[in-house]
Full PDB file with SEQRES, HELIX, SHEET, SSBOND, CRYST1, ORIGX, SCALE, CONECT and MASTER records, all heavy atoms in Angstrom:
SEQRES   1 A   31  ILE LEU SER ARG LYS VAL LEU ARG MET PRO SER THR SER          
SEQRES   2 A   31  PRO ILE PRO THR ARG ASP TYR ARG GLY LEU GLU ASP ARG          
SEQRES   3 A   31  VAL GLU ALA TRP ARG                                          
HELIX    1 AA1 LEU A   23  TRP A   30  1                                   8    
CRYST1    1.000    1.000    1.000  90.00  90.00  90.00 P 1           1          
ORIGX1      1.000000  0.000000  0.000000        0.00000                         
ORIGX2      0.000000  1.000000  0.000000        0.00000                         
ORIGX3      0.000000  0.000000  1.000000        0.00000                         
SCALE1      1.000000  0.000000  0.000000        0.00000                         
SCALE2      0.000000  1.000000  0.000000        0.00000                         
SCALE3      0.000000  0.000000  1.000000        0.00000                         
ATOM      1  N   ILE A   1      -4.034 -14.224  14.674  1.00  0.00           N  
ATOM      2  CA  ILE A   1      -3.702 -13.726  13.269  1.00  0.00           C  
ATOM      3  C   ILE A   1      -4.473 -14.413  12.253  1.00  0.00           C  
ATOM      4  O   ILE A   1      -5.039 -13.810  11.373  1.00  0.00           O  
ATOM      5  CB  ILE A   1      -2.252 -13.796  13.044  1.00  0.00           C  
ATOM      6  CG1 ILE A   1      -1.394 -13.141  14.230  1.00  0.00           C  
ATOM      7  CG2 ILE A   1      -1.888 -13.222  11.689  1.00  0.00           C  
ATOM      8  CD1 ILE A   1      -1.705 -11.623  14.307  1.00  0.00           C  
ATOM      9  N   LEU A   2      -4.473 -15.729  12.372  1.00  0.00           N  
ATOM     10  CA  LEU A   2      -5.182 -16.606  11.331  1.00  0.00           C  
ATOM     11  C   LEU A   2      -6.690 -16.271  11.235  1.00  0.00           C  
ATOM     12  O   LEU A   2      -7.366 -16.447  10.209  1.00  0.00           O  
ATOM     13  CB  LEU A   2      -4.972 -18.092  11.577  1.00  0.00           C  
ATOM     14  CG  LEU A   2      -3.507 -18.510  11.444  1.00  0.00           C  
ATOM     15  CD1 LEU A   2      -3.412 -20.014  11.918  1.00  0.00           C  
ATOM     16  CD2 LEU A   2      -3.105 -18.424   9.979  1.00  0.00           C  
ATOM     17  N   SER A   3      -7.293 -15.751  12.397  1.00  0.00           N  
ATOM     18  CA  SER A   3      -8.699 -15.488  12.311  1.00  0.00           C  
ATOM     19  C   SER A   3      -9.091 -14.140  11.818  1.00  0.00           C  
ATOM     20  O   SER A   3     -10.229 -13.744  11.704  1.00  0.00           O  
ATOM     21  CB  SER A   3      -9.275 -15.620  13.754  1.00  0.00           C  
ATOM     22  OG  SER A   3      -8.825 -14.559  14.620  1.00  0.00           O  
ATOM     23  N   ARG A   4      -8.013 -13.408  11.296  1.00  0.00           N  
ATOM     24  CA  ARG A   4      -8.238 -12.069  10.666  1.00  0.00           C  
ATOM     25  C   ARG A   4      -7.792 -12.018   9.237  1.00  0.00           C  
ATOM     26  O   ARG A   4      -6.936 -12.921   8.904  1.00  0.00           O  
ATOM     27  CB  ARG A   4      -7.443 -10.967  11.441  1.00  0.00           C  
ATOM     28  CG  ARG A   4      -8.119 -10.359  12.611  1.00  0.00           C  
ATOM     29  CD  ARG A   4      -8.132 -11.135  13.815  1.00  0.00           C  
ATOM     30  NE  ARG A   4      -8.650 -10.309  15.030  1.00  0.00           N  
ATOM     31  CZ  ARG A   4      -8.675 -10.810  16.162  1.00  0.00           C  
ATOM     32  NH1 ARG A   4      -8.096 -12.018  16.401  1.00  0.00           N  
ATOM     33  NH2 ARG A   4      -9.236 -10.216  17.124  1.00  0.00           N  
ATOM     34  N   LYS A   5      -8.285 -11.117   8.523  1.00  0.00           N  
ATOM     35  CA  LYS A   5      -7.781 -10.897   7.150  1.00  0.00           C  
ATOM     36  C   LYS A   5      -6.507 -10.085   7.266  1.00  0.00           C  
ATOM     37  O   LYS A   5      -6.568  -8.947   7.889  1.00  0.00           O  
ATOM     38  CB  LYS A   5      -8.804 -10.105   6.347  1.00  0.00           C  
ATOM     39  CG  LYS A   5      -8.457  -9.700   4.994  1.00  0.00           C  
ATOM     40  CD  LYS A   5      -8.665 -10.951   4.097  1.00  0.00           C  
ATOM     41  CE  LYS A   5      -8.378 -10.427   2.579  1.00  0.00           C  
ATOM     42  NZ  LYS A   5      -8.259 -11.598   1.690  1.00  0.00           N  
ATOM     43  N   VAL A   6      -5.400 -10.510   6.798  1.00  0.00           N  
ATOM     44  CA  VAL A   6      -4.143  -9.873   6.784  1.00  0.00           C  
ATOM     45  C   VAL A   6      -3.846  -9.327   5.342  1.00  0.00           C  
ATOM     46  O   VAL A   6      -3.859 -10.107   4.433  1.00  0.00           O  
ATOM     47  CB  VAL A   6      -3.009 -10.722   7.319  1.00  0.00           C  
ATOM     48  CG1 VAL A   6      -1.712  -9.968   7.270  1.00  0.00           C  
ATOM     49  CG2 VAL A   6      -3.268 -11.164   8.722  1.00  0.00           C  
ATOM     50  N   LEU A   7      -3.700  -7.999   5.275  1.00  0.00           N  
ATOM     51  CA  LEU A   7      -3.382  -7.423   3.974  1.00  0.00           C  
ATOM     52  C   LEU A   7      -2.047  -6.807   3.972  1.00  0.00           C  
ATOM     53  O   LEU A   7      -1.647  -6.074   4.933  1.00  0.00           O  
ATOM     54  CB  LEU A   7      -4.370  -6.284   3.659  1.00  0.00           C  
ATOM     55  CG  LEU A   7      -5.852  -6.601   3.707  1.00  0.00           C  
ATOM     56  CD1 LEU A   7      -6.721  -5.314   3.545  1.00  0.00           C  
ATOM     57  CD2 LEU A   7      -6.155  -7.590   2.531  1.00  0.00           C  
ATOM     58  N   ARG A   8      -1.194  -7.039   3.010  1.00  0.00           N  
ATOM     59  CA  ARG A   8       0.119  -6.420   2.743  1.00  0.00           C  
ATOM     60  C   ARG A   8      -0.116  -5.219   1.812  1.00  0.00           C  
ATOM     61  O   ARG A   8      -0.397  -5.300   0.669  1.00  0.00           O  
ATOM     62  CB  ARG A   8       1.101  -7.351   2.164  1.00  0.00           C  
ATOM     63  CG  ARG A   8       2.468  -6.642   2.037  1.00  0.00           C  
ATOM     64  CD  ARG A   8       3.646  -7.547   1.604  1.00  0.00           C  
ATOM     65  NE  ARG A   8       3.324  -8.179   0.243  1.00  0.00           N  
ATOM     66  CZ  ARG A   8       3.628  -7.525  -0.883  1.00  0.00           C  
ATOM     67  NH1 ARG A   8       4.199  -6.259  -0.864  1.00  0.00           N  
ATOM     68  NH2 ARG A   8       3.397  -8.067  -2.067  1.00  0.00           N  
ATOM     69  N   MET A   9      -0.139  -4.000   2.457  1.00  0.00           N  
ATOM     70  CA  MET A   9      -0.397  -2.744   1.739  1.00  0.00           C  
ATOM     71  C   MET A   9       0.906  -2.146   1.341  1.00  0.00           C  
ATOM     72  O   MET A   9       1.962  -2.328   1.974  1.00  0.00           O  
ATOM     73  CB  MET A   9      -1.116  -1.804   2.666  1.00  0.00           C  
ATOM     74  CG  MET A   9      -2.407  -2.355   3.220  1.00  0.00           C  
ATOM     75  SD  MET A   9      -3.567  -3.166   1.984  1.00  0.00           S  
ATOM     76  CE  MET A   9      -3.936  -1.643   1.017  1.00  0.00           C  
ATOM     77  N   PRO A  10       0.908  -1.315   0.310  1.00  0.00           N  
ATOM     78  CA  PRO A  10       2.109  -0.556  -0.039  1.00  0.00           C  
ATOM     79  C   PRO A  10       2.508   0.390   1.004  1.00  0.00           C  
ATOM     80  O   PRO A  10       1.593   0.939   1.699  1.00  0.00           O  
ATOM     81  CB  PRO A  10       1.884   0.189  -1.336  1.00  0.00           C  
ATOM     82  CG  PRO A  10       0.288   0.237  -1.351  1.00  0.00           C  
ATOM     83  CD  PRO A  10      -0.204  -0.964  -0.624  1.00  0.00           C  
ATOM     84  N   SER A  11       3.768   0.528   1.218  1.00  0.00           N  
ATOM     85  CA  SER A  11       4.265   1.475   2.266  1.00  0.00           C  
ATOM     86  C   SER A  11       3.756   2.885   2.011  1.00  0.00           C  
ATOM     87  O   SER A  11       3.668   3.298   0.854  1.00  0.00           O  
ATOM     88  CB  SER A  11       5.847   1.448   2.310  1.00  0.00           C  
ATOM     89  OG  SER A  11       6.329   2.457   3.172  1.00  0.00           O  
ATOM     90  N   THR A  12       3.475   3.574   3.075  1.00  0.00           N  
ATOM     91  CA  THR A  12       3.088   4.983   2.949  1.00  0.00           C  
ATOM     92  C   THR A  12       4.256   5.973   2.976  1.00  0.00           C  
ATOM     93  O   THR A  12       4.127   7.094   3.005  1.00  0.00           O  
ATOM     94  CB  THR A  12       2.077   5.366   4.124  1.00  0.00           C  
ATOM     95  OG1 THR A  12       2.742   5.161   5.343  1.00  0.00           O  
ATOM     96  CG2 THR A  12       0.777   4.547   3.996  1.00  0.00           C  
ATOM     97  N   SER A  13       5.422   5.324   2.958  1.00  0.00           N  
ATOM     98  CA  SER A  13       6.688   6.165   2.827  1.00  0.00           C  
ATOM     99  C   SER A  13       6.618   6.922   1.476  1.00  0.00           C  
ATOM    100  O   SER A  13       6.049   6.440   0.462  1.00  0.00           O  
ATOM    101  CB  SER A  13       7.918   5.280   2.802  1.00  0.00           C  
ATOM    102  OG  SER A  13       9.013   5.937   2.251  1.00  0.00           O  
ATOM    103  N   PRO A  14       7.144   8.149   1.430  1.00  0.00           N  
ATOM    104  CA  PRO A  14       7.081   8.892   0.269  1.00  0.00           C  
ATOM    105  C   PRO A  14       8.078   8.441  -0.847  1.00  0.00           C  
ATOM    106  O   PRO A  14       8.103   9.041  -1.975  1.00  0.00           O  
ATOM    107  CB  PRO A  14       7.318  10.352   0.671  1.00  0.00           C  
ATOM    108  CG  PRO A  14       8.171  10.153   1.907  1.00  0.00           C  
ATOM    109  CD  PRO A  14       7.709   8.848   2.585  1.00  0.00           C  
ATOM    110  N   ILE A  15       8.902   7.506  -0.516  1.00  0.00           N  
ATOM    111  CA  ILE A  15       9.905   6.980  -1.475  1.00  0.00           C  
ATOM    112  C   ILE A  15       9.185   6.303  -2.610  1.00  0.00           C  
ATOM    113  O   ILE A  15       8.547   5.262  -2.362  1.00  0.00           O  
ATOM    114  CB  ILE A  15      10.963   6.192  -0.788  1.00  0.00           C  
ATOM    115  CG1 ILE A  15      11.751   7.074   0.236  1.00  0.00           C  
ATOM    116  CG2 ILE A  15      11.973   5.605  -1.882  1.00  0.00           C  
ATOM    117  CD1 ILE A  15      12.551   6.173   1.213  1.00  0.00           C  
ATOM    118  N   PRO A  16       9.358   6.722  -3.881  1.00  0.00           N  
ATOM    119  CA  PRO A  16       8.770   6.067  -4.990  1.00  0.00           C  
ATOM    120  C   PRO A  16       9.287   4.601  -5.159  1.00  0.00           C  
ATOM    121  O   PRO A  16      10.461   4.386  -4.881  1.00  0.00           O  
ATOM    122  CB  PRO A  16       9.094   6.939  -6.165  1.00  0.00           C  
ATOM    123  CG  PRO A  16       9.455   8.244  -5.662  1.00  0.00           C  
ATOM    124  CD  PRO A  16      10.109   7.952  -4.303  1.00  0.00           C  
ATOM    125  N   THR A  17       8.469   3.620  -5.605  1.00  0.00           N  
ATOM    126  CA  THR A  17       8.857   2.311  -5.820  1.00  0.00           C  
ATOM    127  C   THR A  17       8.511   2.070  -7.308  1.00  0.00           C  
ATOM    128  O   THR A  17       7.878   2.904  -8.028  1.00  0.00           O  
ATOM    129  CB  THR A  17       8.192   1.343  -4.959  1.00  0.00           C  
ATOM    130  OG1 THR A  17       6.810   1.341  -5.249  1.00  0.00           O  
ATOM    131  CG2 THR A  17       8.355   1.663  -3.460  1.00  0.00           C  
ATOM    132  N   ARG A  18       8.811   0.823  -7.732  1.00  0.00           N  
ATOM    133  CA  ARG A  18       8.513   0.477  -9.079  1.00  0.00           C  
ATOM    134  C   ARG A  18       7.013   0.530  -9.344  1.00  0.00           C  
ATOM    135  O   ARG A  18       6.543   0.996 -10.376  1.00  0.00           O  
ATOM    136  CB  ARG A  18       9.025  -0.928  -9.358  1.00  0.00           C  
ATOM    137  CG  ARG A  18       8.746  -1.465 -10.827  1.00  0.00           C  
ATOM    138  CD  ARG A  18       9.419  -2.813 -11.013  1.00  0.00           C  
ATOM    139  NE  ARG A  18       8.906  -3.794 -10.106  1.00  0.00           N  
ATOM    140  CZ  ARG A  18       7.777  -4.470 -10.154  1.00  0.00           C  
ATOM    141  NH1 ARG A  18       7.050  -4.349 -11.106  1.00  0.00           N  
ATOM    142  NH2 ARG A  18       7.569  -5.452  -9.222  1.00  0.00           N  
ATOM    143  N   ASP A  19       6.208   0.061  -8.433  1.00  0.00           N  
ATOM    144  CA  ASP A  19       4.733   0.024  -8.491  1.00  0.00           C  
ATOM    145  C   ASP A  19       3.997   1.222  -7.944  1.00  0.00           C  
ATOM    146  O   ASP A  19       2.822   1.413  -8.421  1.00  0.00           O  
ATOM    147  CB  ASP A  19       4.209  -1.315  -7.863  1.00  0.00           C  
ATOM    148  CG  ASP A  19       4.797  -2.507  -8.470  1.00  0.00           C  
ATOM    149  OD1 ASP A  19       4.881  -2.582  -9.733  1.00  0.00           O  
ATOM    150  OD2 ASP A  19       5.078  -3.443  -7.712  1.00  0.00           O  
ATOM    151  N   TYR A  20       4.602   1.962  -7.114  1.00  0.00           N  
ATOM    152  CA  TYR A  20       3.855   3.005  -6.440  1.00  0.00           C  
ATOM    153  C   TYR A  20       4.676   4.299  -6.468  1.00  0.00           C  
ATOM    154  O   TYR A  20       5.701   4.433  -5.854  1.00  0.00           O  
ATOM    155  CB  TYR A  20       3.507   2.701  -4.984  1.00  0.00           C  
ATOM    156  CG  TYR A  20       2.660   1.461  -4.887  1.00  0.00           C  
ATOM    157  CD1 TYR A  20       3.105   0.236  -4.695  1.00  0.00           C  
ATOM    158  CD2 TYR A  20       1.312   1.584  -5.228  1.00  0.00           C  
ATOM    159  CE1 TYR A  20       2.279  -0.889  -4.694  1.00  0.00           C  
ATOM    160  CE2 TYR A  20       0.367   0.500  -5.204  1.00  0.00           C  
ATOM    161  CZ  TYR A  20       0.938  -0.689  -4.951  1.00  0.00           C  
ATOM    162  OH  TYR A  20       0.053  -1.846  -4.857  1.00  0.00           O  
ATOM    163  N   ARG A  21       4.210   5.259  -7.281  1.00  0.00           N  
ATOM    164  CA  ARG A  21       5.066   6.453  -7.575  1.00  0.00           C  
ATOM    165  C   ARG A  21       4.700   7.566  -6.544  1.00  0.00           C  
ATOM    166  O   ARG A  21       5.582   8.381  -6.254  1.00  0.00           O  
ATOM    167  CB  ARG A  21       4.829   6.977  -9.017  1.00  0.00           C  
ATOM    168  CG  ARG A  21       5.052   5.910 -10.047  1.00  0.00           C  
ATOM    169  CD  ARG A  21       6.374   5.210  -9.985  1.00  0.00           C  
ATOM    170  NE  ARG A  21       7.574   6.133 -10.056  1.00  0.00           N  
ATOM    171  CZ  ARG A  21       8.746   5.830  -9.776  1.00  0.00           C  
ATOM    172  NH1 ARG A  21       9.123   4.658  -9.377  1.00  0.00           N  
ATOM    173  NH2 ARG A  21       9.766   6.752  -9.974  1.00  0.00           N  
ATOM    174  N   GLY A  22       3.463   7.707  -6.154  1.00  0.00           N  
ATOM    175  CA  GLY A  22       3.065   8.815  -5.294  1.00  0.00           C  
ATOM    176  C   GLY A  22       1.843   8.578  -4.480  1.00  0.00           C  
ATOM    177  O   GLY A  22       1.408   7.353  -4.330  1.00  0.00           O  
ATOM    178  N   LEU A  23       1.163   9.609  -4.096  1.00  0.00           N  
ATOM    179  CA  LEU A  23       0.050   9.462  -3.173  1.00  0.00           C  
ATOM    180  C   LEU A  23      -1.181   8.867  -3.927  1.00  0.00           C  
ATOM    181  O   LEU A  23      -1.810   7.998  -3.335  1.00  0.00           O  
ATOM    182  CB  LEU A  23      -0.421  10.960  -2.745  1.00  0.00           C  
ATOM    183  CG  LEU A  23      -1.705  10.956  -1.916  1.00  0.00           C  
ATOM    184  CD1 LEU A  23      -1.489  10.175  -0.666  1.00  0.00           C  
ATOM    185  CD2 LEU A  23      -1.995  12.518  -1.652  1.00  0.00           C  
ATOM    186  N   GLU A  24      -1.492   9.213  -5.098  1.00  0.00           N  
ATOM    187  CA  GLU A  24      -2.716   8.786  -5.772  1.00  0.00           C  
ATOM    188  C   GLU A  24      -2.768   7.322  -5.958  1.00  0.00           C  
ATOM    189  O   GLU A  24      -3.756   6.621  -5.714  1.00  0.00           O  
ATOM    190  CB  GLU A  24      -2.916   9.533  -7.150  1.00  0.00           C  
ATOM    191  CG  GLU A  24      -3.106  10.994  -7.079  1.00  0.00           C  
ATOM    192  CD  GLU A  24      -1.901  11.796  -6.693  1.00  0.00           C  
ATOM    193  OE1 GLU A  24      -0.761  11.371  -6.980  1.00  0.00           O  
ATOM    194  OE2 GLU A  24      -2.056  12.925  -6.162  1.00  0.00           O  
ATOM    195  N   ASP A  25      -1.627   6.674  -6.420  1.00  0.00           N  
ATOM    196  CA  ASP A  25      -1.650   5.223  -6.563  1.00  0.00           C  
ATOM    197  C   ASP A  25      -1.695   4.503  -5.216  1.00  0.00           C  
ATOM    198  O   ASP A  25      -2.207   3.460  -5.145  1.00  0.00           O  
ATOM    199  CB  ASP A  25      -0.536   4.728  -7.543  1.00  0.00           C  
ATOM    200  CG  ASP A  25       0.850   5.251  -7.108  1.00  0.00           C  
ATOM    201  OD1 ASP A  25       0.994   5.925  -6.144  1.00  0.00           O  
ATOM    202  OD2 ASP A  25       1.781   5.024  -7.958  1.00  0.00           O  
ATOM    203  N   ARG A  26      -1.186   5.119  -4.230  1.00  0.00           N  
ATOM    204  CA  ARG A  26      -1.155   4.440  -2.912  1.00  0.00           C  
ATOM    205  C   ARG A  26      -2.631   4.513  -2.394  1.00  0.00           C  
ATOM    206  O   ARG A  26      -3.141   3.572  -1.731  1.00  0.00           O  
ATOM    207  CB  ARG A  26      -0.209   5.081  -1.959  1.00  0.00           C  
ATOM    208  CG  ARG A  26       1.288   4.692  -2.269  1.00  0.00           C  
ATOM    209  CD  ARG A  26       2.214   5.314  -1.223  1.00  0.00           C  
ATOM    210  NE  ARG A  26       3.631   4.807  -1.387  1.00  0.00           N  
ATOM    211  CZ  ARG A  26       4.496   5.205  -2.281  1.00  0.00           C  
ATOM    212  NH1 ARG A  26       4.205   6.095  -3.151  1.00  0.00           N  
ATOM    213  NH2 ARG A  26       5.693   4.663  -2.260  1.00  0.00           N  
ATOM    214  N   VAL A  27      -3.312   5.687  -2.538  1.00  0.00           N  
ATOM    215  CA  VAL A  27      -4.692   5.766  -2.073  1.00  0.00           C  
ATOM    216  C   VAL A  27      -5.541   4.683  -2.773  1.00  0.00           C  
ATOM    217  O   VAL A  27      -6.309   4.043  -2.191  1.00  0.00           O  
ATOM    218  CB  VAL A  27      -5.305   7.117  -2.373  1.00  0.00           C  
ATOM    219  CG1 VAL A  27      -6.785   7.221  -2.191  1.00  0.00           C  
ATOM    220  CG2 VAL A  27      -4.599   8.248  -1.547  1.00  0.00           C  
ATOM    221  N   GLU A  28      -5.356   4.484  -4.062  1.00  0.00           N  
ATOM    222  CA  GLU A  28      -6.095   3.453  -4.755  1.00  0.00           C  
ATOM    223  C   GLU A  28      -5.759   2.072  -4.215  1.00  0.00           C  
ATOM    224  O   GLU A  28      -6.762   1.304  -3.989  1.00  0.00           O  
ATOM    225  CB  GLU A  28      -5.762   3.424  -6.210  1.00  0.00           C  
ATOM    226  CG  GLU A  28      -6.434   4.585  -6.996  1.00  0.00           C  
ATOM    227  CD  GLU A  28      -7.956   4.734  -6.728  1.00  0.00           C  
ATOM    228  OE1 GLU A  28      -8.686   3.705  -6.857  1.00  0.00           O  
ATOM    229  OE2 GLU A  28      -8.375   5.819  -6.334  1.00  0.00           O  
ATOM    230  N   ALA A  29      -4.569   1.719  -3.847  1.00  0.00           N  
ATOM    231  CA  ALA A  29      -4.191   0.427  -3.322  1.00  0.00           C  
ATOM    232  C   ALA A  29      -4.795   0.308  -1.870  1.00  0.00           C  
ATOM    233  O   ALA A  29      -5.352  -0.754  -1.642  1.00  0.00           O  
ATOM    234  CB  ALA A  29      -2.718   0.273  -3.305  1.00  0.00           C  
ATOM    235  N   TRP A  30      -4.802   1.331  -1.102  1.00  0.00           N  
ATOM    236  CA  TRP A  30      -5.236   1.321   0.241  1.00  0.00           C  
ATOM    237  C   TRP A  30      -6.814   1.241   0.363  1.00  0.00           C  
ATOM    238  O   TRP A  30      -7.372   0.901   1.366  1.00  0.00           O  
ATOM    239  CB  TRP A  30      -4.731   2.472   1.048  1.00  0.00           C  
ATOM    240  CG  TRP A  30      -3.393   2.205   1.692  1.00  0.00           C  
ATOM    241  CD1 TRP A  30      -2.166   2.347   0.989  1.00  0.00           C  
ATOM    242  CD2 TRP A  30      -3.065   1.738   2.973  1.00  0.00           C  
ATOM    243  NE1 TRP A  30      -1.155   2.019   1.812  1.00  0.00           N  
ATOM    244  CE2 TRP A  30      -1.669   1.653   3.083  1.00  0.00           C  
ATOM    245  CE3 TRP A  30      -3.759   1.503   4.067  1.00  0.00           C  
ATOM    246  CZ2 TRP A  30      -1.021   1.264   4.152  1.00  0.00           C  
ATOM    247  CZ3 TRP A  30      -3.158   1.122   5.239  1.00  0.00           C  
ATOM    248  CH2 TRP A  30      -1.777   0.999   5.201  1.00  0.00           C  
ATOM    249  N   ARG A  31      -7.465   1.495  -0.836  1.00  0.00           N  
ATOM    250  CA  ARG A  31      -8.905   1.276  -0.745  1.00  0.00           C  
ATOM    251  C   ARG A  31      -9.382  -0.177  -0.373  1.00  0.00           C  
ATOM    252  O   ARG A  31     -10.456  -0.385   0.105  1.00  0.00           O  
ATOM    253  CB  ARG A  31      -9.579   1.624  -2.140  1.00  0.00           C  
ATOM    254  CG  ARG A  31      -9.590   3.058  -2.470  1.00  0.00           C  
ATOM    255  CD  ARG A  31     -10.417   3.423  -3.700  1.00  0.00           C  
ATOM    256  NE  ARG A  31     -10.153   4.754  -4.114  1.00  0.00           N  
ATOM    257  CZ  ARG A  31     -10.588   5.870  -3.496  1.00  0.00           C  
ATOM    258  NH1 ARG A  31     -11.284   5.747  -2.405  1.00  0.00           N  
ATOM    259  NH2 ARG A  31     -10.380   7.085  -3.974  1.00  0.00           N  
TER     260      ARG A  31                                                      
MASTER        0    0    0    1    0    0    0    6  259    1    0    3          
END                                                                             
């Protein structure tokens, strides 16, 4: 694990969160 880059990405669940409301902002984060 330590030899890889580990990224915590926003969940792809459709449930809106404070920071991620929908598809578009998740796509931007997942870039």
